[in-house]
Structure formats: structure tokens, C-alpha cells
Amino acid sequence: MKKMKMFCAAALLVLIAPVFAQKKVAVVTFYADKQVDLKDVGLGGATIITDLANDPTFNLQPILQQYHDKFFKDFASKFPFELLPETTVTENAAYQAFTPEFQPGYAANSFTTIAGYKPATPNYGKDNVKNLVSTFSDADGIMFVYVTFALNKGFGVGGTATTKMQAYTNIVLYNKKGEKVFTINEHANSSKTGMMVGGVPVMKSDKILPMCESALTELMKDLDKRLQKIVDKSGKKL
């Protein structure tokens, strides 16, 4: 009887595996938020943040491209479903005509996107999710992938205080009903540090950009080690 139960369980797994393999998910955005969060260093920082986001030398494109390539080459295979070809999304006429809804203080130029993608956020209102689920109704779900940055206090006080950049990635999956299936939120600190002068962080692009790159590199290393366990715990049901 015990052997029979083991055989039945094994057979059930064989039957279930193809079901998950047949699921298809559309990645509907891939972007980095250019507005660096300064709350941890004691600043609301709207002016500083906006100035940095509008600085053409603050170019997140190369490091976002590295993360994008890593995601589709190495991370995509860890999910229990198939990601649709990117061109299926980016060349879709309805997607190209789609205008994302932005939260107050944000606009399209607040984001760096991978070519062809719209900077659609899943966490402001429901229209972005609703419209994108409708656009890709043939898929079993839609996925948002994006990166944000936050400047955190390091060691020291006053004029000798240091700062570190923290990179966050959010991987958010919705099913075809528009219901959230899971959210993966992981972060890592930069190995590079910055400085605070008179209690104000140095926010020049040539200082901040290497910290962003360092933080995202550390985050990708962390995901290499941890993503499979995170995915397994996050649930597989679409």
C-alpha cells in the first residue's frame, strides 16, 4: 500500500508539472525609478530628487539593461511558468497605445525603461493592472518588474557621516482576473559609499550613479542565491 501511495504521488506530480509548464505570463513593464528615496537620510527631498531624475548624466540605462538581461537569461527559468517573448508585449498595438497612470509627482520621464516597455506601476490605482490584463487576455497572467533606489545612512555623524545606496527589485504577478498572485521584494546595499556634508547627502550624479550600480550588482548576486527559494515560497497558482 505504501508503495502504491508513493507511485500515485509521483504520477500526480508528472500530471501537474505540464500544467504549470503550459502557463504563460506577459512581462508588461521593466523599469528603474529615477527618483531616489531620501527618507532615511532625513529629507523629504522633492527638489533634490527631481533635479537628479532630470539630470541627463544620471543614466540608469546600462545597469538596468544588465539586470534585464540577467532576469530573462537566468531568473526567468526559476518561475513555474513560461514568460512570453518580449516582442509579443512590446509590439502589441494595444500596448503601444496604452498610457500608464502615474502617481502624483511622477511622469514618464521619472523612469528609465527597457526599450519598448511602458513604465506602468502596479501600486497606484487599479487602472494599470486592469488595462494590461485586458490587453493580454490570452496570457495566464501579467508581471511587473521594476527597480527603485533609496539612500540610507551609513556610519558616522554630522559632516563625517557616510551614506549607502539600497537597490530594491519588485516582481509582481497578477492572474488573468487581475488578482495579485505574489509580490517578490528584495533589496541589497551598495558596497560603495557616499558622504553627507552638514547633514545633507552629496547628490551629484557622478557620486550617486556608481552607488546605484554597486547596489544593483549586489542585488543580482543575492537573487542568484535566493530567488529559487523565494519563488517556491511565493506560490505557483495562477
C-alpha atoms as a PDB file:
ATOM      1  CA  MET A   1       0.000   0.000   0.000  1.00  0.00           C
ATOM      2  CA  LYS A   2       2.829   2.391   0.865  1.00  0.00           C
ATOM      3  CA  LYS A   3       4.480   1.739  -2.497  1.00  0.00           C
ATOM      4  CA  MET A   4       1.156   2.311  -4.229  1.00  0.00           C
ATOM      5  CA  LYS A   5       0.745   5.707  -2.465  1.00  0.00           C
ATOM      6  CA  MET A   6       4.251   6.713  -3.488  1.00  0.00           C
ATOM      7  CA  PHE A   7       3.521   5.708  -7.078  1.00  0.00           C
ATOM      8  CA  CYS A   8       0.278   7.698  -7.109  1.00  0.00           C
ATOM      9  CA  ALA A   9       2.029  10.765  -5.714  1.00  0.00           C
ATOM     10  CA  ALA A  10       4.748  10.519  -8.331  1.00  0.00           C
ATOM     11  CA  ALA A  11       2.188  10.107 -11.086  1.00  0.00           C
ATOM     12  CA  LEU A  12       0.281  13.138  -9.817  1.00  0.00           C
ATOM     13  CA  LEU A  13       3.435  15.260  -9.946  1.00  0.00           C
ATOM     14  CA  VAL A  14       4.029  14.145 -13.521  1.00  0.00           C
ATOM     15  CA  LEU A  15       0.500  15.233 -14.424  1.00  0.00           C
ATOM     16  CA  ILE A  16       0.714  18.565 -12.577  1.00  0.00           C
ATOM     17  CA  ALA A  17       4.120  19.648 -13.938  1.00  0.00           C
ATOM     18  CA  PRO A  18       2.981  20.056 -17.568  1.00  0.00           C
ATOM     19  CA  VAL A  19       0.018  22.147 -16.384  1.00  0.00           C
ATOM     20  CA  PHE A  20       2.355  24.737 -14.856  1.00  0.00           C
ATOM     21  CA  ALA A  21       4.684  24.488 -17.849  1.00  0.00           C
ATOM     22  CA  GLN A  22       1.792  25.454 -20.122  1.00  0.00           C
ATOM     23  CA  LYS A  23       1.053  28.659 -18.194  1.00  0.00           C
ATOM     24  CA  LYS A  24       2.231  31.787 -19.981  1.00  0.00           C
ATOM     25  CA  VAL A  25       2.880  35.174 -18.398  1.00  0.00           C
ATOM     26  CA  ALA A  26       3.471  38.539 -20.095  1.00  0.00           C
ATOM     27  CA  VAL A  27       6.093  40.841 -18.560  1.00  0.00           C
ATOM     28  CA  VAL A  28       4.345  44.182 -19.074  1.00  0.00           C
ATOM     29  CA  THR A  29       6.968  46.572 -17.732  1.00  0.00           C
ATOM     30  CA  PHE A  30      10.661  46.677 -16.936  1.00  0.00           C
ATOM     31  CA  TYR A  31      11.902  49.963 -15.497  1.00  0.00           C
ATOM     32  CA  ALA A  32      14.010  51.755 -12.886  1.00  0.00           C
ATOM     33  CA  ASP A  33      12.641  54.625 -10.831  1.00  0.00           C
ATOM     34  CA  LYS A  34      14.944  57.648 -11.193  1.00  0.00           C
ATOM     35  CA  GLN A  35      13.545  59.371  -8.094  1.00  0.00           C
ATOM     36  CA  VAL A  36      15.877  58.264  -5.297  1.00  0.00           C
ATOM     37  CA  ASP A  37      14.164  57.910  -1.908  1.00  0.00           C
ATOM     38  CA  LEU A  38      15.833  60.141   0.714  1.00  0.00           C
ATOM     39  CA  LYS A  39      13.606  59.483   3.727  1.00  0.00           C
ATOM     40  CA  ASP A  40      16.249  57.547   5.646  1.00  0.00           C
ATOM     41  CA  VAL A  41      18.708  60.458   5.457  1.00  0.00           C
ATOM     42  CA  GLY A  42      16.129  62.805   6.938  1.00  0.00           C
ATOM     43  CA  LEU A  43      14.987  64.659   3.816  1.00  0.00           C
ATOM     44  CA  GLY A  44      11.666  64.904   2.055  1.00  0.00           C
ATOM     45  CA  GLY A  45      13.953  65.887  -0.798  1.00  0.00           C
ATOM     46  CA  ALA A  46      11.421  66.666  -3.539  1.00  0.00           C
ATOM     47  CA  THR A  47      13.670  69.264  -5.180  1.00  0.00           C
ATOM     48  CA  ILE A  48      16.839  67.190  -4.881  1.00  0.00           C
ATOM     49  CA  ILE A  49      15.108  64.060  -6.116  1.00  0.00           C
ATOM     50  CA  THR A  50      13.513  65.807  -9.093  1.00  0.00           C
ATOM     51  CA  ASP A  51      16.763  67.517 -10.058  1.00  0.00           C
ATOM     52  CA  LEU A  52      18.564  64.170 -10.079  1.00  0.00           C
ATOM     53  CA  ALA A  53      15.810  62.482 -12.082  1.00  0.00           C
ATOM     54  CA  ASN A  54      16.027  65.247 -14.682  1.00  0.00           C
ATOM     55  CA  ASP A  55      19.835  65.157 -14.891  1.00  0.00           C
ATOM     56  CA  PRO A  56      20.810  63.546 -18.239  1.00  0.00           C
ATOM     57  CA  THR A  57      24.102  62.338 -16.721  1.00  0.00           C
ATOM     58  CA  PHE A  58      22.140  60.244 -14.207  1.00  0.00           C
ATOM     59  CA  ASN A  59      21.845  57.440 -16.753  1.00  0.00           C
ATOM     60  CA  LEU A  60      20.480  54.226 -15.275  1.00  0.00           C
ATOM     61  CA  GLN A  61      20.033  52.582 -18.693  1.00  0.00           C
ATOM     62  CA  PRO A  62      23.264  50.494 -18.716  1.00  0.00           C
ATOM     63  CA  ILE A  63      22.722  48.977 -15.264  1.00  0.00           C
ATOM     64  CA  LEU A  64      19.015  48.407 -15.882  1.00  0.00           C
ATOM     65  CA  GLN A  65      19.944  46.612 -19.115  1.00  0.00           C
ATOM     66  CA  GLN A  66      22.306  44.359 -17.153  1.00  0.00           C
ATOM     67  CA  TYR A  67      19.504  43.455 -14.765  1.00  0.00           C
ATOM     68  CA  HIS A  68      17.059  42.915 -17.637  1.00  0.00           C
ATOM     69  CA  ASP A  69      19.461  40.566 -19.432  1.00  0.00           C
ATOM     70  CA  LYS A  70      20.172  38.675 -16.214  1.00  0.00           C
ATOM     71  CA  PHE A  71      16.455  38.406 -15.484  1.00  0.00           C
ATOM     72  CA  PHE A  72      15.497  36.848 -18.808  1.00  0.00           C
ATOM     73  CA  LYS A  73      18.621  34.724 -19.167  1.00  0.00           C
ATOM     74  CA  ASP A  74      18.925  33.305 -15.631  1.00  0.00           C
ATOM     75  CA  PHE A  75      15.992  34.257 -13.415  1.00  0.00           C
ATOM     76  CA  ALA A  76      13.083  33.544 -15.780  1.00  0.00           C
ATOM     77  CA  SER A  77      13.718  29.787 -15.685  1.00  0.00           C
ATOM     78  CA  LYS A  78      13.135  29.733 -11.924  1.00  0.00           C
ATOM     79  CA  PHE A  79       9.437  30.540 -12.286  1.00  0.00           C
ATOM     80  CA  PRO A  80       6.922  27.682 -12.692  1.00  0.00           C
ATOM     81  CA  PHE A  81       5.533  29.194 -15.877  1.00  0.00           C
ATOM     82  CA  GLU A  82       6.788  30.468 -19.209  1.00  0.00           C
ATOM     83  CA  LEU A  83       7.402  34.139 -19.937  1.00  0.00           C
ATOM     84  CA  LEU A  84       6.066  35.233 -23.309  1.00  0.00           C
ATOM     85  CA  PRO A  85       8.601  36.610 -25.812  1.00  0.00           C
ATOM     86  CA  GLU A  86       9.176  40.286 -25.123  1.00  0.00           C
ATOM     87  CA  THR A  87       8.194  41.251 -28.654  1.00  0.00           C
ATOM     88  CA  THR A  88       4.748  39.757 -28.010  1.00  0.00           C
ATOM     89  CA  VAL A  89       4.329  42.555 -25.473  1.00  0.00           C
ATOM     90  CA  THR A  90       6.278  45.452 -26.943  1.00  0.00           C
ATOM     91  CA  GLU A  91       4.940  45.021 -30.496  1.00  0.00           C
ATOM     92  CA  ASN A  92       1.326  44.651 -29.394  1.00  0.00           C
ATOM     93  CA  ALA A  93      -0.623  47.579 -30.895  1.00  0.00           C
ATOM     94  CA  ALA A  94      -2.902  47.995 -27.871  1.00  0.00           C
ATOM     95  CA  TYR A  95       0.115  48.018 -25.554  1.00  0.00           C
ATOM     96  CA  GLN A  96       1.864  50.622 -27.706  1.00  0.00           C
ATOM     97  CA  ALA A  97      -1.242  52.814 -27.467  1.00  0.00           C
ATOM     98  CA  PHE A  98      -1.555  52.311 -23.700  1.00  0.00           C
ATOM     99  CA  THR A  99      -0.903  55.366 -21.482  1.00  0.00           C
ATOM    100  CA  PRO A 100       0.045  54.401 -17.911  1.00  0.00           C
ATOM    101  CA  GLU A 101      -1.492  56.115 -14.918  1.00  0.00           C
ATOM    102  CA  PHE A 102       1.142  57.814 -12.733  1.00  0.00           C
ATOM    103  CA  GLN A 103       1.042  58.734  -9.085  1.00  0.00           C
ATOM    104  CA  PRO A 104       1.286  62.461  -8.199  1.00  0.00           C
ATOM    105  CA  GLY A 105       4.780  63.883  -8.738  1.00  0.00           C
ATOM    106  CA  TYR A 106       5.634  61.302 -11.384  1.00  0.00           C
ATOM    107  CA  ALA A 107       5.624  61.369 -15.173  1.00  0.00           C
ATOM    108  CA  ALA A 108       7.071  59.183 -17.919  1.00  0.00           C
ATOM    109  CA  ASN A 109      10.489  60.879 -17.582  1.00  0.00           C
ATOM    110  CA  SER A 110      10.636  59.829 -13.913  1.00  0.00           C
ATOM    111  CA  PHE A 111      11.592  56.357 -15.111  1.00  0.00           C
ATOM    112  CA  THR A 112      14.255  54.621 -17.146  1.00  0.00           C
ATOM    113  CA  THR A 113      12.714  51.797 -19.165  1.00  0.00           C
ATOM    114  CA  ILE A 114      13.986  48.984 -21.315  1.00  0.00           C
ATOM    115  CA  ALA A 115      13.286  49.828 -24.966  1.00  0.00           C
ATOM    116  CA  GLY A 116       9.693  49.115 -25.955  1.00  0.00           C
ATOM    117  CA  TYR A 117       8.268  48.956 -22.442  1.00  0.00           C
ATOM    118  CA  LYS A 118       5.876  51.407 -20.787  1.00  0.00           C
ATOM    119  CA  PRO A 119       6.708  52.487 -17.204  1.00  0.00           C
ATOM    120  CA  ALA A 120       3.490  51.141 -15.722  1.00  0.00           C
ATOM    121  CA  THR A 121       3.347  50.863 -11.943  1.00  0.00           C
ATOM    122  CA  PRO A 122       1.078  48.266 -10.315  1.00  0.00           C
ATOM    123  CA  ASN A 123       0.799  50.060  -6.967  1.00  0.00           C
ATOM    124  CA  TYR A 124      -1.028  53.260  -7.936  1.00  0.00           C
ATOM    125  CA  GLY A 125      -4.727  52.819  -8.591  1.00  0.00           C
ATOM    126  CA  LYS A 126      -6.122  49.778 -10.393  1.00  0.00           C
ATOM    127  CA  ASP A 127      -6.308  51.062 -13.954  1.00  0.00           C
ATOM    128  CA  ASN A 128      -2.794  49.982 -14.957  1.00  0.00           C
ATOM    129  CA  VAL A 129      -3.394  46.394 -13.871  1.00  0.00           C
ATOM    130  CA  LYS A 130      -6.933  46.290 -15.272  1.00  0.00           C
ATOM    131  CA  ASN A 131      -5.932  47.676 -18.670  1.00  0.00           C
ATOM    132  CA  LEU A 132      -2.877  45.457 -19.044  1.00  0.00           C
ATOM    133  CA  VAL A 133      -4.737  42.302 -18.018  1.00  0.00           C
ATOM    134  CA  SER A 134      -7.307  43.156 -20.678  1.00  0.00           C
ATOM    135  CA  THR A 135      -4.611  43.859 -23.271  1.00  0.00           C
ATOM    136  CA  PHE A 136      -3.033  40.434 -22.724  1.00  0.00           C
ATOM    137  CA  SER A 137      -6.192  38.443 -22.087  1.00  0.00           C
ATOM    138  CA  ASP A 138      -4.728  35.396 -23.866  1.00  0.00           C
ATOM    139  CA  ALA A 139      -1.973  35.155 -21.226  1.00  0.00           C
ATOM    140  CA  ASP A 140      -2.479  33.447 -17.878  1.00  0.00           C
ATOM    141  CA  GLY A 141      -1.051  36.446 -16.044  1.00  0.00           C
ATOM    142  CA  ILE A 142       0.947  39.645 -16.234  1.00  0.00           C
ATOM    143  CA  MET A 143       4.172  40.515 -14.429  1.00  0.00           C
ATOM    144  CA  PHE A 144       5.624  43.872 -13.418  1.00  0.00           C
ATOM    145  CA  VAL A 145       9.398  44.049 -12.894  1.00  0.00           C
ATOM    146  CA  TYR A 146      10.961  47.239 -11.608  1.00  0.00           C
ATOM    147  CA  VAL A 147      13.816  48.674  -9.549  1.00  0.00           C
ATOM    148  CA  THR A 148      13.825  51.511  -7.026  1.00  0.00           C
ATOM    149  CA  PHE A 149      16.661  53.127  -5.092  1.00  0.00           C
ATOM    150  CA  ALA A 150      16.874  54.561  -1.570  1.00  0.00           C
ATOM    151  CA  LEU A 151      19.766  56.411   0.058  1.00  0.00           C
ATOM    152  CA  ASN A 152      20.437  55.212   3.607  1.00  0.00           C
ATOM    153  CA  LYS A 153      22.575  56.489   6.441  1.00  0.00           C
ATOM    154  CA  GLY A 154      25.866  54.713   6.986  1.00  0.00           C
ATOM    155  CA  PHE A 155      28.373  55.268   9.775  1.00  0.00           C
ATOM    156  CA  GLY A 156      29.417  58.475  11.483  1.00  0.00           C
ATOM    157  CA  VAL A 157      27.610  61.648  12.465  1.00  0.00           C
ATOM    158  CA  GLY A 158      27.356  65.192  11.134  1.00  0.00           C
ATOM    159  CA  GLY A 159      29.880  66.140   8.480  1.00  0.00           C
ATOM    160  CA  THR A 160      31.605  62.743   8.684  1.00  0.00           C
ATOM    161  CA  ALA A 161      28.516  60.616   8.115  1.00  0.00           C
ATOM    162  CA  THR A 162      28.501  58.188   5.193  1.00  0.00           C
ATOM    163  CA  THR A 163      25.647  57.003   3.017  1.00  0.00           C
ATOM    164  CA  LYS A 164      24.864  53.770   1.222  1.00  0.00           C
ATOM    165  CA  MET A 165      22.542  53.128  -1.674  1.00  0.00           C
ATOM    166  CA  GLN A 166      19.917  50.416  -1.388  1.00  0.00           C
ATOM    167  CA  ALA A 167      18.513  48.845  -4.559  1.00  0.00           C
ATOM    168  CA  TYR A 168      15.089  47.213  -4.435  1.00  0.00           C
ATOM    169  CA  THR A 169      13.538  44.982  -7.045  1.00  0.00           C
ATOM    170  CA  ASN A 170       9.837  44.293  -7.173  1.00  0.00           C
ATOM    171  CA  ILE A 171       8.498  41.356  -9.154  1.00  0.00           C
ATOM    172  CA  VAL A 172       4.710  41.408  -9.027  1.00  0.00           C
ATOM    173  CA  LEU A 173       2.465  38.792 -10.632  1.00  0.00           C
ATOM    174  CA  TYR A 174      -1.270  39.109 -11.339  1.00  0.00           C
ATOM    175  CA  ASN A 175      -3.534  36.417 -12.744  1.00  0.00           C
ATOM    176  CA  LYS A 176      -5.880  36.988 -15.675  1.00  0.00           C
ATOM    177  CA  LYS A 177      -8.624  38.102 -13.280  1.00  0.00           C
ATOM    178  CA  GLY A 178      -6.449  40.964 -12.100  1.00  0.00           C
ATOM    179  CA  GLU A 179      -5.832  39.334  -8.712  1.00  0.00           C
ATOM    180  CA  LYS A 180      -2.370  39.583  -7.205  1.00  0.00           C
ATOM    181  CA  VAL A 181      -0.675  36.172  -7.053  1.00  0.00           C
ATOM    182  CA  PHE A 182       2.569  37.224  -5.389  1.00  0.00           C
ATOM    183  CA  THR A 183       4.982  40.073  -4.814  1.00  0.00           C
ATOM    184  CA  ILE A 184       8.718  39.494  -4.534  1.00  0.00           C
ATOM    185  CA  ASN A 185      10.524  42.422  -2.937  1.00  0.00           C
ATOM    186  CA  GLU A 186      14.263  42.002  -2.414  1.00  0.00           C
ATOM    187  CA  HIS A 187      16.948  44.579  -1.683  1.00  0.00           C
ATOM    188  CA  ALA A 188      20.709  44.898  -1.258  1.00  0.00           C
ATOM    189  CA  ASN A 189      23.118  47.611  -0.132  1.00  0.00           C
ATOM    190  CA  SER A 190      25.890  49.076  -2.246  1.00  0.00           C
ATOM    191  CA  SER A 191      29.480  48.258  -1.395  1.00  0.00           C
ATOM    192  CA  LYS A 192      30.340  51.820  -2.461  1.00  0.00           C
ATOM    193  CA  THR A 193      29.590  54.646  -0.029  1.00  0.00           C
ATOM    194  CA  GLY A 194      28.887  58.374  -0.273  1.00  0.00           C
ATOM    195  CA  MET A 195      29.132  61.298   2.135  1.00  0.00           C
ATOM    196  CA  MET A 196      26.881  63.700   3.975  1.00  0.00           C
ATOM    197  CA  VAL A 197      28.086  67.296   4.325  1.00  0.00           C
ATOM    198  CA  GLY A 198      26.418  69.337   7.057  1.00  0.00           C
ATOM    199  CA  GLY A 199      23.735  66.667   7.372  1.00  0.00           C
ATOM    200  CA  VAL A 200      22.918  66.809   3.650  1.00  0.00           C
ATOM    201  CA  PRO A 201      23.887  63.903   1.361  1.00  0.00           C
ATOM    202  CA  VAL A 202      26.049  64.623  -1.673  1.00  0.00           C
ATOM    203  CA  MET A 203      23.640  64.044  -4.553  1.00  0.00           C
ATOM    204  CA  LYS A 204      25.814  64.687  -7.595  1.00  0.00           C
ATOM    205  CA  SER A 205      25.245  62.198 -10.387  1.00  0.00           C
ATOM    206  CA  ASP A 206      28.896  61.145 -10.584  1.00  0.00           C
ATOM    207  CA  LYS A 207      28.714  60.142  -6.898  1.00  0.00           C
ATOM    208  CA  ILE A 208      25.237  58.604  -6.827  1.00  0.00           C
ATOM    209  CA  LEU A 209      25.317  56.605 -10.074  1.00  0.00           C
ATOM    210  CA  PRO A 210      28.252  54.330  -9.054  1.00  0.00           C
ATOM    211  CA  MET A 211      26.420  53.620  -5.792  1.00  0.00           C
ATOM    212  CA  CYS A 212      23.277  52.635  -7.710  1.00  0.00           C
ATOM    213  CA  GLU A 213      25.343  50.345  -9.936  1.00  0.00           C
ATOM    214  CA  SER A 214      27.036  48.775  -6.918  1.00  0.00           C
ATOM    215  CA  ALA A 215      23.718  48.201  -5.125  1.00  0.00           C
ATOM    216  CA  LEU A 216      22.071  46.608  -8.169  1.00  0.00           C
ATOM    217  CA  THR A 217      25.105  44.369  -8.720  1.00  0.00           C
ATOM    218  CA  GLU A 218      24.882  43.174  -5.122  1.00  0.00           C
ATOM    219  CA  LEU A 219      21.149  42.610  -5.555  1.00  0.00           C
ATOM    220  CA  MET A 220      21.678  40.406  -8.606  1.00  0.00           C
ATOM    221  CA  LYS A 221      24.219  38.351  -6.660  1.00  0.00           C
ATOM    222  CA  ASP A 222      21.676  37.931  -3.877  1.00  0.00           C
ATOM    223  CA  LEU A 223      18.944  36.877  -6.296  1.00  0.00           C
ATOM    224  CA  ASP A 224      21.291  34.284  -7.819  1.00  0.00           C
ATOM    225  CA  LYS A 225      21.394  32.593  -4.429  1.00  0.00           C
ATOM    226  CA  ARG A 226      17.884  33.206  -3.111  1.00  0.00           C
ATOM    227  CA  LEU A 227      15.373  33.628  -5.911  1.00  0.00           C
ATOM    228  CA  GLN A 228      14.520  29.948  -6.348  1.00  0.00           C
ATOM    229  CA  LYS A 229      13.592  29.604  -2.660  1.00  0.00           C
ATOM    230  CA  ILE A 230      11.618  32.846  -2.771  1.00  0.00           C
ATOM    231  CA  VAL A 231       9.681  31.722  -5.838  1.00  0.00           C
ATOM    232  CA  ASP A 232       8.949  28.340  -4.293  1.00  0.00           C
ATOM    233  CA  LYS A 233       7.527  30.032  -1.183  1.00  0.00           C
ATOM    234  CA  SER A 234       5.601  32.687  -3.080  1.00  0.00           C
ATOM    235  CA  GLY A 235       3.012  30.335  -4.516  1.00  0.00           C
ATOM    236  CA  LYS A 236       2.565  28.948  -8.012  1.00  0.00           C
ATOM    237  CA  LYS A 237      -1.157  29.185  -8.607  1.00  0.00           C
ATOM    238  CA  LEU A 238      -2.339  31.375 -11.454  1.00  0.00           C
END
